[in-house]
Amino acid sequence: MSAASPTTLPPRPFKVLLLLILVSLSTWFLWGELDYALTRDRTGEPVFRTWALIVHLTFATPLLLLPPLQFSRRFRLRWPLWHRRLGRAYLVASLIAGSLAIYLGLTFDLVGRRVPVVLFATLWVAFSAAAWWCARHRAFAAHERFVVRSYTIAVAFVIVRVMGQAEDVMFPFMPDPQLRGVTREWLCFVLPLLAVEAWYTWWPALRTPRPRAADARL
């Protein structure tokens, strides 16, 4: 069978809508984070941490804006060379931004946020390294899944800010703002990853037909 051409691929409107929403939220997040990083009062903050945050945001920008293009089947089929080049840039940026996120997480003022941020930043680096390893060994199906997991971690940092705008509605039973912040950190990382694993593993397993009794005896 010959590979499908970009013009014969069926449309996926839900996927396009989801990616547009993620790009819009990511742009809003990056604008706010860059403005905050450049204008906040950093009196008493170590210079290294300030620059670590700026470099982290610089490399996080392509992480949030490139994947929707990389996930396009038409783009992969029409421009495979650019897909590979942008993929390498994405993975390098992920390793740098994720490593700096580990350091930044360890230095958060709110101690309760350190564990979830460091844990999931470590997963971010691990998923990105696994995606690179799979691509090197031409295991492209596994490569794509690890890229999705890596992107999910990156998007989780956006989701935590979105949840922060609605925390009065979501957590009216939590008057303590620090408890709300810690809860948001855990939810924004755990729930998206659970959704990805449900899509890749749980739902296909549930759809697998059970063997008939006659087949089981063979």
N, C-alpha and C. Protein backbone atom coordinates (compact mmCIF):
# COMPACT_ATOMS: atom_id res chain seq x y z
N MET A 1 0.84 -1.19 0.00
CA MET A 1 0.00 0.00 0.00
C MET A 1 0.88 1.24 0.00
N SER A 2 0.50 2.19 -0.80
CA SER A 2 1.25 3.44 -0.82
C SER A 2 0.78 4.34 0.30
N ALA A 3 1.68 5.21 0.77
CA ALA A 3 1.33 6.12 1.86
C ALA A 3 0.32 7.14 1.38
N ALA A 4 -0.55 7.55 2.26
CA ALA A 4 -1.56 8.54 1.91
C ALA A 4 -0.90 9.89 1.65
N SER A 5 -1.42 10.59 0.64
CA SER A 5 -0.91 11.92 0.36
C SER A 5 -1.59 12.93 1.27
N PRO A 6 -0.98 14.12 1.46
CA PRO A 6 -1.59 15.11 2.35
C PRO A 6 -2.99 15.53 1.92
N THR A 7 -3.27 15.48 0.62
CA THR A 7 -4.57 15.94 0.14
C THR A 7 -5.67 14.91 0.34
N THR A 8 -5.30 13.63 0.57
CA THR A 8 -6.32 12.59 0.73
C THR A 8 -6.59 12.24 2.18
N LEU A 9 -5.89 12.87 3.11
CA LEU A 9 -6.11 12.57 4.52
C LEU A 9 -7.46 13.12 4.97
N PRO A 10 -8.21 12.34 5.74
CA PRO A 10 -9.50 12.84 6.23
C PRO A 10 -9.30 13.93 7.27
N PRO A 11 -10.19 14.93 7.30
CA PRO A 11 -10.06 16.00 8.30
C PRO A 11 -10.37 15.50 9.70
N ARG A 12 -9.76 16.12 10.69
CA ARG A 12 -10.02 15.82 12.09
C ARG A 12 -10.34 17.13 12.81
N PRO A 13 -11.58 17.58 12.72
CA PRO A 13 -11.91 18.91 13.27
C PRO A 13 -11.71 19.01 14.78
N PHE A 14 -11.98 17.92 15.53
CA PHE A 14 -11.79 17.99 16.98
C PHE A 14 -10.33 18.19 17.33
N LYS A 15 -9.44 17.49 16.63
CA LYS A 15 -8.01 17.64 16.87
C LYS A 15 -7.55 19.05 16.56
N VAL A 16 -8.03 19.61 15.44
CA VAL A 16 -7.66 20.98 15.06
C VAL A 16 -8.14 21.98 16.11
N LEU A 17 -9.40 21.81 16.55
CA LEU A 17 -9.96 22.71 17.56
C LEU A 17 -9.16 22.64 18.86
N LEU A 18 -8.84 21.42 19.29
CA LEU A 18 -8.08 21.25 20.53
C LEU A 18 -6.71 21.92 20.44
N LEU A 19 -6.03 21.73 19.32
CA LEU A 19 -4.70 22.33 19.16
C LEU A 19 -4.78 23.85 19.10
N LEU A 20 -5.83 24.39 18.47
CA LEU A 20 -6.00 25.84 18.43
C LEU A 20 -6.22 26.40 19.84
N ILE A 21 -7.01 25.69 20.64
CA ILE A 21 -7.24 26.13 22.02
C ILE A 21 -5.94 26.11 22.81
N LEU A 22 -5.15 25.04 22.64
CA LEU A 22 -3.89 24.92 23.37
C LEU A 22 -2.90 26.01 22.96
N VAL A 23 -2.85 26.31 21.65
CA VAL A 23 -1.94 27.37 21.19
C VAL A 23 -2.38 28.72 21.75
N SER A 24 -3.68 28.98 21.76
CA SER A 24 -4.18 30.25 22.28
C SER A 24 -3.85 30.40 23.77
N LEU A 25 -4.10 29.34 24.54
CA LEU A 25 -3.80 29.39 25.97
C LEU A 25 -2.30 29.51 26.21
N SER A 26 -1.51 28.83 25.39
CA SER A 26 -0.06 28.89 25.55
C SER A 26 0.47 30.29 25.25
N THR A 27 -0.09 30.95 24.23
CA THR A 27 0.33 32.31 23.91
C THR A 27 -0.01 33.26 25.05
N TRP A 28 -1.22 33.12 25.60
CA TRP A 28 -1.61 33.93 26.76
C TRP A 28 -0.69 33.69 27.95
N PHE A 29 -0.36 32.43 28.20
CA PHE A 29 0.52 32.07 29.32
C PHE A 29 1.91 32.67 29.13
N LEU A 30 2.48 32.51 27.92
CA LEU A 30 3.83 32.98 27.68
C LEU A 30 3.92 34.50 27.79
N TRP A 31 2.90 35.19 27.30
CA TRP A 31 2.90 36.65 27.41
C TRP A 31 2.90 37.08 28.87
N GLY A 32 2.04 36.47 29.67
CA GLY A 32 1.99 36.82 31.08
C GLY A 32 3.26 36.46 31.83
N GLU A 33 3.82 35.29 31.53
CA GLU A 33 5.04 34.86 32.22
C GLU A 33 6.23 35.74 31.85
N LEU A 34 6.37 36.09 30.58
CA LEU A 34 7.48 36.94 30.17
C LEU A 34 7.35 38.33 30.78
N ASP A 35 6.14 38.86 30.80
CA ASP A 35 5.92 40.16 31.42
C ASP A 35 6.26 40.12 32.91
N TYR A 36 5.83 39.04 33.57
CA TYR A 36 6.12 38.90 35.00
C TYR A 36 7.62 38.74 35.25
N ALA A 37 8.27 37.94 34.41
CA ALA A 37 9.70 37.69 34.61
C ALA A 37 10.54 38.95 34.40
N LEU A 38 10.11 39.82 33.50
CA LEU A 38 10.91 40.99 33.16
C LEU A 38 10.59 42.22 34.01
N THR A 39 9.42 42.26 34.64
CA THR A 39 9.00 43.48 35.34
C THR A 39 8.90 43.33 36.85
N ARG A 40 8.91 42.12 37.39
CA ARG A 40 8.71 41.96 38.83
C ARG A 40 9.94 42.45 39.60
N ASP A 41 9.72 42.79 40.84
CA ASP A 41 10.81 43.22 41.72
C ASP A 41 11.58 41.99 42.19
N ARG A 42 12.84 41.92 41.84
CA ARG A 42 13.66 40.76 42.18
C ARG A 42 14.73 41.11 43.22
N THR A 43 14.43 42.07 44.05
CA THR A 43 15.37 42.45 45.09
C THR A 43 15.63 41.26 46.02
N GLY A 44 16.90 40.92 46.18
CA GLY A 44 17.26 39.81 47.05
C GLY A 44 17.28 38.46 46.38
N GLU A 45 16.79 38.37 45.14
CA GLU A 45 16.80 37.09 44.44
C GLU A 45 18.17 36.86 43.81
N PRO A 46 18.71 35.65 43.89
CA PRO A 46 20.01 35.37 43.25
C PRO A 46 19.97 35.64 41.75
N VAL A 47 21.04 36.20 41.23
CA VAL A 47 21.09 36.53 39.80
C VAL A 47 20.95 35.26 38.96
N PHE A 48 21.54 34.16 39.43
CA PHE A 48 21.48 32.92 38.65
C PHE A 48 20.03 32.46 38.48
N ARG A 49 19.22 32.60 39.55
CA ARG A 49 17.82 32.17 39.45
C ARG A 49 17.06 33.05 38.47
N THR A 50 17.34 34.34 38.47
CA THR A 50 16.67 35.24 37.52
C THR A 50 16.97 34.83 36.09
N TRP A 51 18.23 34.58 35.79
CA TRP A 51 18.60 34.20 34.44
C TRP A 51 18.11 32.80 34.11
N ALA A 52 18.07 31.92 35.10
CA ALA A 52 17.54 30.57 34.86
C ALA A 52 16.08 30.65 34.44
N LEU A 53 15.31 31.54 35.07
CA LEU A 53 13.90 31.69 34.71
C LEU A 53 13.75 32.25 33.30
N ILE A 54 14.57 33.24 32.95
CA ILE A 54 14.48 33.84 31.62
C ILE A 54 14.85 32.82 30.54
N VAL A 55 15.94 32.06 30.77
CA VAL A 55 16.35 31.04 29.80
C VAL A 55 15.28 29.95 29.71
N HIS A 56 14.72 29.55 30.85
CA HIS A 56 13.65 28.55 30.87
C HIS A 56 12.47 29.00 30.01
N LEU A 57 12.03 30.24 30.17
CA LEU A 57 10.91 30.74 29.38
C LEU A 57 11.26 30.86 27.91
N THR A 58 12.51 31.22 27.62
CA THR A 58 12.94 31.34 26.23
C THR A 58 12.84 30.00 25.51
N PHE A 59 13.29 28.94 26.17
CA PHE A 59 13.23 27.61 25.54
C PHE A 59 11.85 26.99 25.65
N ALA A 60 11.03 27.46 26.60
CA ALA A 60 9.68 26.93 26.71
C ALA A 60 8.78 27.44 25.60
N THR A 61 9.12 28.59 25.00
CA THR A 61 8.27 29.16 23.95
C THR A 61 8.09 28.21 22.78
N PRO A 62 9.17 27.68 22.15
CA PRO A 62 8.94 26.73 21.06
C PRO A 62 8.27 25.44 21.52
N LEU A 63 8.46 25.07 22.78
CA LEU A 63 7.84 23.84 23.28
C LEU A 63 6.32 23.93 23.23
N LEU A 64 5.79 25.11 23.47
CA LEU A 64 4.34 25.27 23.51
C LEU A 64 3.75 25.63 22.16
N LEU A 65 4.56 26.15 21.24
CA LEU A 65 4.03 26.60 19.96
C LEU A 65 4.35 25.66 18.79
N LEU A 66 5.41 24.86 18.89
CA LEU A 66 5.79 23.96 17.81
C LEU A 66 4.94 22.68 17.71
N PRO A 67 4.63 22.01 18.82
CA PRO A 67 3.98 20.70 18.71
C PRO A 67 2.70 20.66 17.87
N PRO A 68 1.79 21.66 17.95
CA PRO A 68 0.62 21.57 17.08
C PRO A 68 0.97 21.42 15.60
N LEU A 69 2.05 22.08 15.17
CA LEU A 69 2.50 21.91 13.79
C LEU A 69 3.11 20.53 13.59
N GLN A 70 3.89 20.08 14.57
CA GLN A 70 4.52 18.76 14.48
C GLN A 70 3.50 17.62 14.47
N PHE A 71 2.37 17.81 15.15
CA PHE A 71 1.36 16.77 15.20
C PHE A 71 0.50 16.71 13.94
N SER A 72 0.68 17.65 13.03
CA SER A 72 -0.09 17.67 11.79
C SER A 72 0.38 16.57 10.85
N ARG A 73 -0.50 15.69 10.48
CA ARG A 73 -0.15 14.61 9.54
C ARG A 73 0.24 15.19 8.18
N ARG A 74 -0.47 16.21 7.73
CA ARG A 74 -0.17 16.82 6.44
C ARG A 74 1.24 17.43 6.43
N PHE A 75 1.60 18.09 7.53
CA PHE A 75 2.93 18.67 7.60
C PHE A 75 4.00 17.58 7.57
N ARG A 76 3.78 16.50 8.31
CA ARG A 76 4.77 15.41 8.35
C ARG A 76 4.95 14.78 6.98
N LEU A 77 3.86 14.61 6.23
CA LEU A 77 3.96 13.97 4.92
C LEU A 77 4.51 14.90 3.85
N ARG A 78 4.16 16.18 3.93
CA ARG A 78 4.57 17.11 2.88
C ARG A 78 5.98 17.61 3.08
N TRP A 79 6.38 17.84 4.35
CA TRP A 79 7.71 18.38 4.64
C TRP A 79 8.39 17.53 5.72
N PRO A 80 8.74 16.29 5.41
CA PRO A 80 9.34 15.41 6.44
C PRO A 80 10.68 15.93 6.95
N LEU A 81 11.46 16.60 6.09
CA LEU A 81 12.75 17.11 6.53
C LEU A 81 12.57 18.18 7.59
N TRP A 82 11.63 19.11 7.36
CA TRP A 82 11.38 20.15 8.35
C TRP A 82 10.76 19.58 9.63
N HIS A 83 9.98 18.52 9.47
CA HIS A 83 9.43 17.86 10.65
C HIS A 83 10.55 17.33 11.53
N ARG A 84 11.55 16.71 10.92
CA ARG A 84 12.67 16.17 11.70
C ARG A 84 13.50 17.30 12.31
N ARG A 85 13.74 18.36 11.57
CA ARG A 85 14.54 19.47 12.10
C ARG A 85 13.83 20.15 13.28
N LEU A 86 12.55 20.42 13.11
CA LEU A 86 11.81 21.05 14.20
C LEU A 86 11.68 20.10 15.38
N GLY A 87 11.60 18.80 15.10
CA GLY A 87 11.53 17.82 16.18
C GLY A 87 12.80 17.81 17.01
N ARG A 88 13.95 17.91 16.35
CA ARG A 88 15.21 17.97 17.10
C ARG A 88 15.27 19.24 17.95
N ALA A 89 14.84 20.36 17.36
CA ALA A 89 14.83 21.61 18.12
C ALA A 89 13.91 21.51 19.32
N TYR A 90 12.75 20.86 19.14
CA TYR A 90 11.81 20.71 20.25
C TYR A 90 12.43 19.88 21.38
N LEU A 91 13.07 18.77 21.04
CA LEU A 91 13.62 17.89 22.07
C LEU A 91 14.79 18.56 22.81
N VAL A 92 15.64 19.29 22.09
CA VAL A 92 16.73 20.01 22.76
C VAL A 92 16.16 21.06 23.71
N ALA A 93 15.16 21.82 23.22
CA ALA A 93 14.55 22.83 24.07
C ALA A 93 13.88 22.20 25.28
N SER A 94 13.27 21.03 25.11
CA SER A 94 12.62 20.34 26.23
C SER A 94 13.62 19.95 27.30
N LEU A 95 14.77 19.42 26.87
CA LEU A 95 15.78 19.00 27.83
C LEU A 95 16.32 20.20 28.62
N ILE A 96 16.51 21.33 27.93
CA ILE A 96 17.02 22.52 28.62
C ILE A 96 15.96 23.11 29.55
N ALA A 97 14.74 23.32 29.02
CA ALA A 97 13.68 23.92 29.83
C ALA A 97 13.30 23.01 30.99
N GLY A 98 13.26 21.71 30.76
CA GLY A 98 12.91 20.78 31.83
C GLY A 98 13.97 20.74 32.92
N SER A 99 15.24 20.77 32.53
CA SER A 99 16.32 20.76 33.53
C SER A 99 16.28 22.02 34.38
N LEU A 100 16.02 23.16 33.75
CA LEU A 100 15.93 24.41 34.51
C LEU A 100 14.67 24.43 35.38
N ALA A 101 13.60 23.78 34.93
CA ALA A 101 12.39 23.70 35.75
C ALA A 101 12.65 22.93 37.04
N ILE A 102 13.52 21.92 36.97
CA ILE A 102 13.88 21.18 38.18
C ILE A 102 14.55 22.13 39.18
N TYR A 103 15.51 22.92 38.69
CA TYR A 103 16.19 23.87 39.58
C TYR A 103 15.23 24.91 40.13
N LEU A 104 14.38 25.47 39.26
CA LEU A 104 13.43 26.49 39.71
C LEU A 104 12.44 25.92 40.72
N GLY A 105 12.03 24.66 40.50
CA GLY A 105 11.12 24.03 41.45
C GLY A 105 11.74 23.85 42.82
N LEU A 106 13.01 23.54 42.85
CA LEU A 106 13.70 23.36 44.12
C LEU A 106 13.84 24.66 44.91
N THR A 107 13.69 25.79 44.23
CA THR A 107 13.90 27.09 44.89
C THR A 107 12.60 27.88 45.07
N PHE A 108 11.43 27.23 44.87
CA PHE A 108 10.16 27.93 45.08
C PHE A 108 10.03 28.37 46.53
N ASP A 109 9.46 29.57 46.73
CA ASP A 109 9.20 30.05 48.09
C ASP A 109 8.16 29.18 48.80
N LEU A 110 7.12 28.78 48.06
CA LEU A 110 6.10 27.91 48.63
C LEU A 110 6.62 26.47 48.62
N VAL A 111 7.00 25.98 49.79
CA VAL A 111 7.66 24.67 49.87
C VAL A 111 6.79 23.55 49.33
N GLY A 112 5.47 23.64 49.54
CA GLY A 112 4.58 22.58 49.08
C GLY A 112 4.56 22.40 47.58
N ARG A 113 4.96 23.41 46.82
CA ARG A 113 4.97 23.31 45.36
C ARG A 113 6.22 22.62 44.84
N ARG A 114 7.23 22.48 45.68
CA ARG A 114 8.50 21.97 45.18
C ARG A 114 8.41 20.52 44.72
N VAL A 115 7.75 19.68 45.50
CA VAL A 115 7.71 18.25 45.16
C VAL A 115 7.02 18.01 43.81
N PRO A 116 5.79 18.51 43.59
CA PRO A 116 5.16 18.24 42.30
C PRO A 116 5.92 18.83 41.12
N VAL A 117 6.43 20.04 41.25
CA VAL A 117 7.13 20.66 40.12
C VAL A 117 8.41 19.91 39.79
N VAL A 118 9.20 19.55 40.81
CA VAL A 118 10.44 18.82 40.56
C VAL A 118 10.14 17.43 40.00
N LEU A 119 9.14 16.76 40.55
CA LEU A 119 8.79 15.42 40.07
C LEU A 119 8.40 15.44 38.60
N PHE A 120 7.50 16.35 38.23
CA PHE A 120 7.00 16.34 36.86
C PHE A 120 7.97 17.01 35.89
N ALA A 121 8.82 17.90 36.36
CA ALA A 121 9.89 18.42 35.50
C ALA A 121 10.88 17.30 35.17
N THR A 122 11.12 16.42 36.14
CA THR A 122 11.99 15.27 35.89
C THR A 122 11.36 14.34 34.85
N LEU A 123 10.04 14.12 34.98
CA LEU A 123 9.34 13.33 33.96
C LEU A 123 9.41 14.00 32.60
N TRP A 124 9.33 15.31 32.57
CA TRP A 124 9.42 16.06 31.32
C TRP A 124 10.75 15.76 30.62
N VAL A 125 11.83 15.82 31.37
CA VAL A 125 13.15 15.51 30.80
C VAL A 125 13.21 14.05 30.37
N ALA A 126 12.66 13.15 31.20
CA ALA A 126 12.71 11.72 30.88
C ALA A 126 11.91 11.41 29.62
N PHE A 127 10.71 11.98 29.49
CA PHE A 127 9.89 11.75 28.30
C PHE A 127 10.58 12.27 27.05
N SER A 128 11.20 13.43 27.15
CA SER A 128 11.89 14.01 26.00
C SER A 128 13.09 13.15 25.59
N ALA A 129 13.85 12.67 26.58
CA ALA A 129 14.98 11.80 26.28
C ALA A 129 14.50 10.49 25.66
N ALA A 130 13.39 9.95 26.16
CA ALA A 130 12.85 8.71 25.61
C ALA A 130 12.38 8.92 24.17
N ALA A 131 11.78 10.09 23.88
CA ALA A 131 11.34 10.38 22.51
C ALA A 131 12.54 10.43 21.57
N TRP A 132 13.63 11.06 22.01
CA TRP A 132 14.84 11.10 21.19
C TRP A 132 15.40 9.70 20.97
N TRP A 133 15.44 8.89 22.02
CA TRP A 133 15.97 7.53 21.92
C TRP A 133 15.14 6.70 20.93
N CYS A 134 13.83 6.80 21.01
CA CYS A 134 12.97 6.04 20.11
C CYS A 134 13.15 6.48 18.66
N ALA A 135 13.30 7.79 18.44
CA ALA A 135 13.52 8.28 17.08
C ALA A 135 14.85 7.77 16.53
N ARG A 136 15.87 7.76 17.37
CA ARG A 136 17.18 7.26 16.94
C ARG A 136 17.11 5.80 16.52
N HIS A 137 16.24 5.04 17.17
CA HIS A 137 16.10 3.62 16.86
C HIS A 137 14.91 3.34 15.96
N ARG A 138 14.37 4.41 15.36
CA ARG A 138 13.30 4.31 14.36
C ARG A 138 12.04 3.64 14.91
N ALA A 139 11.84 3.76 16.19
CA ALA A 139 10.58 3.29 16.80
C ALA A 139 9.63 4.49 16.83
N PHE A 140 9.07 4.82 15.68
CA PHE A 140 8.38 6.09 15.53
C PHE A 140 7.03 6.13 16.24
N ALA A 141 6.37 4.99 16.38
CA ALA A 141 5.10 4.98 17.12
C ALA A 141 5.35 5.33 18.59
N ALA A 142 6.38 4.71 19.18
CA ALA A 142 6.73 5.02 20.57
C ALA A 142 7.25 6.45 20.69
N HIS A 143 8.01 6.88 19.68
CA HIS A 143 8.52 8.26 19.66
C HIS A 143 7.38 9.26 19.74
N GLU A 144 6.36 9.07 18.93
CA GLU A 144 5.24 10.00 18.93
C GLU A 144 4.55 10.05 20.29
N ARG A 145 4.39 8.90 20.91
CA ARG A 145 3.72 8.87 22.21
C ARG A 145 4.53 9.56 23.29
N PHE A 146 5.84 9.41 23.25
CA PHE A 146 6.66 10.10 24.26
C PHE A 146 6.68 11.61 24.01
N VAL A 147 6.62 12.03 22.74
CA VAL A 147 6.53 13.46 22.46
C VAL A 147 5.22 14.02 23.00
N VAL A 148 4.13 13.28 22.83
CA VAL A 148 2.84 13.72 23.36
C VAL A 148 2.91 13.84 24.88
N ARG A 149 3.54 12.88 25.54
CA ARG A 149 3.68 12.95 27.00
C ARG A 149 4.53 14.16 27.40
N SER A 150 5.62 14.40 26.67
CA SER A 150 6.46 15.56 26.95
C SER A 150 5.68 16.86 26.78
N TYR A 151 4.93 16.94 25.69
CA TYR A 151 4.12 18.14 25.45
C TYR A 151 3.04 18.32 26.51
N THR A 152 2.50 17.21 27.00
CA THR A 152 1.49 17.27 28.05
C THR A 152 2.04 17.91 29.31
N ILE A 153 3.29 17.57 29.66
CA ILE A 153 3.91 18.18 30.83
C ILE A 153 4.09 19.67 30.61
N ALA A 154 4.54 20.06 29.40
CA ALA A 154 4.72 21.48 29.11
C ALA A 154 3.39 22.24 29.22
N VAL A 155 2.33 21.64 28.68
CA VAL A 155 1.01 22.27 28.72
C VAL A 155 0.49 22.35 30.16
N ALA A 156 0.91 21.42 31.01
CA ALA A 156 0.45 21.43 32.40
C ALA A 156 0.82 22.73 33.10
N PHE A 157 1.97 23.31 32.73
CA PHE A 157 2.35 24.59 33.33
C PHE A 157 1.39 25.70 32.90
N VAL A 158 0.79 25.54 31.72
CA VAL A 158 -0.23 26.50 31.28
C VAL A 158 -1.53 26.25 32.05
N ILE A 159 -1.88 24.99 32.20
CA ILE A 159 -3.14 24.64 32.87
C ILE A 159 -3.16 25.14 34.31
N VAL A 160 -2.03 25.08 34.99
CA VAL A 160 -2.01 25.53 36.39
C VAL A 160 -2.30 27.01 36.49
N ARG A 161 -1.89 27.80 35.47
CA ARG A 161 -2.22 29.22 35.48
C ARG A 161 -3.69 29.44 35.17
N VAL A 162 -4.24 28.65 34.26
CA VAL A 162 -5.67 28.77 33.94
C VAL A 162 -6.51 28.42 35.16
N MET A 163 -6.11 27.36 35.86
CA MET A 163 -6.83 26.98 37.07
C MET A 163 -6.73 28.06 38.13
N GLY A 164 -5.61 28.77 38.16
CA GLY A 164 -5.46 29.84 39.13
C GLY A 164 -6.46 30.96 38.93
N GLN A 165 -6.91 31.16 37.68
CA GLN A 165 -7.90 32.19 37.42
C GLN A 165 -9.30 31.78 37.90
N ALA A 166 -9.50 30.48 38.12
CA ALA A 166 -10.83 30.00 38.50
C ALA A 166 -10.82 29.26 39.83
N GLU A 167 -9.79 29.46 40.64
CA GLU A 167 -9.67 28.67 41.86
C GLU A 167 -10.76 29.01 42.88
N ASP A 168 -11.30 30.23 42.86
CA ASP A 168 -12.39 30.55 43.78
C ASP A 168 -13.63 29.72 43.48
N VAL A 169 -13.83 29.41 42.21
CA VAL A 169 -14.98 28.58 41.82
C VAL A 169 -14.68 27.10 42.05
N MET A 170 -13.44 26.69 41.78
CA MET A 170 -13.08 25.28 41.88
C MET A 170 -12.87 24.83 43.32
N PHE A 171 -12.31 25.71 44.16
CA PHE A 171 -11.95 25.31 45.52
C PHE A 171 -12.57 26.24 46.56
N PRO A 172 -13.88 26.41 46.56
CA PRO A 172 -14.48 27.29 47.58
C PRO A 172 -14.35 26.71 48.99
N PHE A 173 -14.10 25.41 49.09
CA PHE A 173 -13.96 24.74 50.39
C PHE A 173 -12.53 24.82 50.92
N MET A 174 -11.63 25.48 50.16
CA MET A 174 -10.24 25.64 50.59
C MET A 174 -9.95 27.12 50.80
N PRO A 175 -10.10 27.65 51.98
CA PRO A 175 -9.81 29.07 52.18
C PRO A 175 -8.32 29.40 52.18
N ASP A 176 -7.47 28.40 52.45
CA ASP A 176 -6.04 28.63 52.52
C ASP A 176 -5.45 28.75 51.12
N PRO A 177 -4.90 29.89 50.71
CA PRO A 177 -4.37 30.05 49.35
C PRO A 177 -3.17 29.15 49.07
N GLN A 178 -2.38 28.84 50.08
CA GLN A 178 -1.24 27.95 49.86
C GLN A 178 -1.71 26.52 49.56
N LEU A 179 -2.74 26.08 50.27
CA LEU A 179 -3.30 24.76 50.01
C LEU A 179 -3.90 24.70 48.61
N ARG A 180 -4.54 25.77 48.21
CA ARG A 180 -5.08 25.82 46.85
C ARG A 180 -3.96 25.70 45.81
N GLY A 181 -2.86 26.42 46.05
CA GLY A 181 -1.76 26.38 45.11
C GLY A 181 -1.15 25.00 44.96
N VAL A 182 -0.95 24.32 46.07
CA VAL A 182 -0.40 22.97 46.03
C VAL A 182 -1.36 22.01 45.33
N THR A 183 -2.65 22.14 45.61
CA THR A 183 -3.64 21.28 44.97
C THR A 183 -3.66 21.48 43.47
N ARG A 184 -3.58 22.74 43.05
CA ARG A 184 -3.54 23.03 41.62
C ARG A 184 -2.31 22.40 40.96
N GLU A 185 -1.17 22.48 41.63
CA GLU A 185 0.06 21.91 41.06
C GLU A 185 -0.11 20.42 40.78
N TRP A 186 -0.66 19.69 41.74
CA TRP A 186 -0.83 18.26 41.56
C TRP A 186 -1.86 17.94 40.48
N LEU A 187 -3.00 18.63 40.53
CA LEU A 187 -4.07 18.34 39.57
C LEU A 187 -3.64 18.64 38.14
N CYS A 188 -2.94 19.75 37.92
CA CYS A 188 -2.63 20.16 36.56
C CYS A 188 -1.63 19.22 35.90
N PHE A 189 -0.83 18.49 36.68
CA PHE A 189 0.09 17.52 36.11
C PHE A 189 -0.54 16.12 36.03
N VAL A 190 -1.21 15.71 37.08
CA VAL A 190 -1.72 14.33 37.14
C VAL A 190 -2.87 14.11 36.16
N LEU A 191 -3.84 15.01 36.13
CA LEU A 191 -5.02 14.80 35.29
C LEU A 191 -4.69 14.73 33.80
N PRO A 192 -3.90 15.66 33.22
CA PRO A 192 -3.56 15.52 31.80
C PRO A 192 -2.81 14.24 31.47
N LEU A 193 -1.88 13.83 32.35
CA LEU A 193 -1.15 12.59 32.09
C LEU A 193 -2.07 11.38 32.18
N LEU A 194 -3.01 11.40 33.12
CA LEU A 194 -3.99 10.31 33.18
C LEU A 194 -4.82 10.25 31.91
N ALA A 195 -5.19 11.41 31.38
CA ALA A 195 -5.98 11.44 30.15
C ALA A 195 -5.18 10.85 28.98
N VAL A 196 -3.89 11.18 28.89
CA VAL A 196 -3.06 10.63 27.82
C VAL A 196 -2.93 9.13 27.95
N GLU A 197 -2.66 8.64 29.17
CA GLU A 197 -2.52 7.20 29.35
C GLU A 197 -3.84 6.47 29.11
N ALA A 198 -4.96 7.10 29.47
CA ALA A 198 -6.26 6.48 29.20
C ALA A 198 -6.47 6.34 27.70
N TRP A 199 -6.07 7.35 26.94
CA TRP A 199 -6.25 7.32 25.49
C TRP A 199 -5.34 6.27 24.84
N TYR A 200 -4.09 6.19 25.31
CA TYR A 200 -3.13 5.29 24.68
C TYR A 200 -3.24 3.85 25.17
N THR A 201 -3.63 3.64 26.42
CA THR A 201 -3.53 2.32 27.02
C THR A 201 -4.87 1.78 27.52
N TRP A 202 -5.54 2.54 28.37
CA TRP A 202 -6.73 2.00 29.03
C TRP A 202 -7.88 1.77 28.05
N TRP A 203 -8.18 2.79 27.24
CA TRP A 203 -9.30 2.65 26.31
C TRP A 203 -9.05 1.56 25.27
N PRO A 204 -7.88 1.45 24.64
CA PRO A 204 -7.64 0.33 23.73
C PRO A 204 -7.75 -1.03 24.42
N ALA A 205 -7.30 -1.10 25.68
CA ALA A 205 -7.41 -2.37 26.40
C ALA A 205 -8.87 -2.75 26.63
N LEU A 206 -9.71 -1.77 26.94
CA LEU A 206 -11.12 -2.04 27.15
C LEU A 206 -11.82 -2.43 25.86
N ARG A 207 -11.34 -1.92 24.73
CA ARG A 207 -11.96 -2.21 23.45
C ARG A 207 -11.51 -3.54 22.88
N THR A 208 -10.46 -4.15 23.43
CA THR A 208 -9.96 -5.42 22.92
C THR A 208 -10.99 -6.50 23.17
N PRO A 209 -11.42 -7.21 22.14
CA PRO A 209 -12.44 -8.25 22.35
C PRO A 209 -11.91 -9.39 23.20
N ARG A 210 -12.76 -9.89 24.06
CA ARG A 210 -12.39 -11.02 24.91
C ARG A 210 -12.36 -12.30 24.08
N PRO A 211 -11.38 -13.18 24.31
CA PRO A 211 -11.33 -14.43 23.53
C PRO A 211 -12.51 -15.34 23.89
N ARG A 212 -13.00 -16.03 22.88
CA ARG A 212 -14.09 -16.98 23.13
C ARG A 212 -13.56 -18.20 23.89
N ALA A 213 -14.45 -18.89 24.52
CA ALA A 213 -14.05 -20.05 25.33
C ALA A 213 -13.35 -21.09 24.48
N ALA A 214 -13.85 -21.31 23.24
CA ALA A 214 -13.24 -22.30 22.36
C ALA A 214 -11.82 -21.90 21.99
N ASP A 215 -11.61 -20.58 21.74
CA ASP A 215 -10.27 -20.12 21.41
C ASP A 215 -9.33 -20.23 22.60
N ALA A 216 -9.85 -19.99 23.81
CA ALA A 216 -9.02 -20.00 25.00
C ALA A 216 -8.46 -21.41 25.26
N ARG A 217 -9.20 -22.46 24.82
CA ARG A 217 -8.73 -23.84 25.07
C ARG A 217 -7.66 -24.26 24.10
N LEU A 218 -7.49 -23.52 23.01
CA LEU A 218 -6.50 -23.92 22.00
C LEU A 218 -5.08 -23.61 22.46
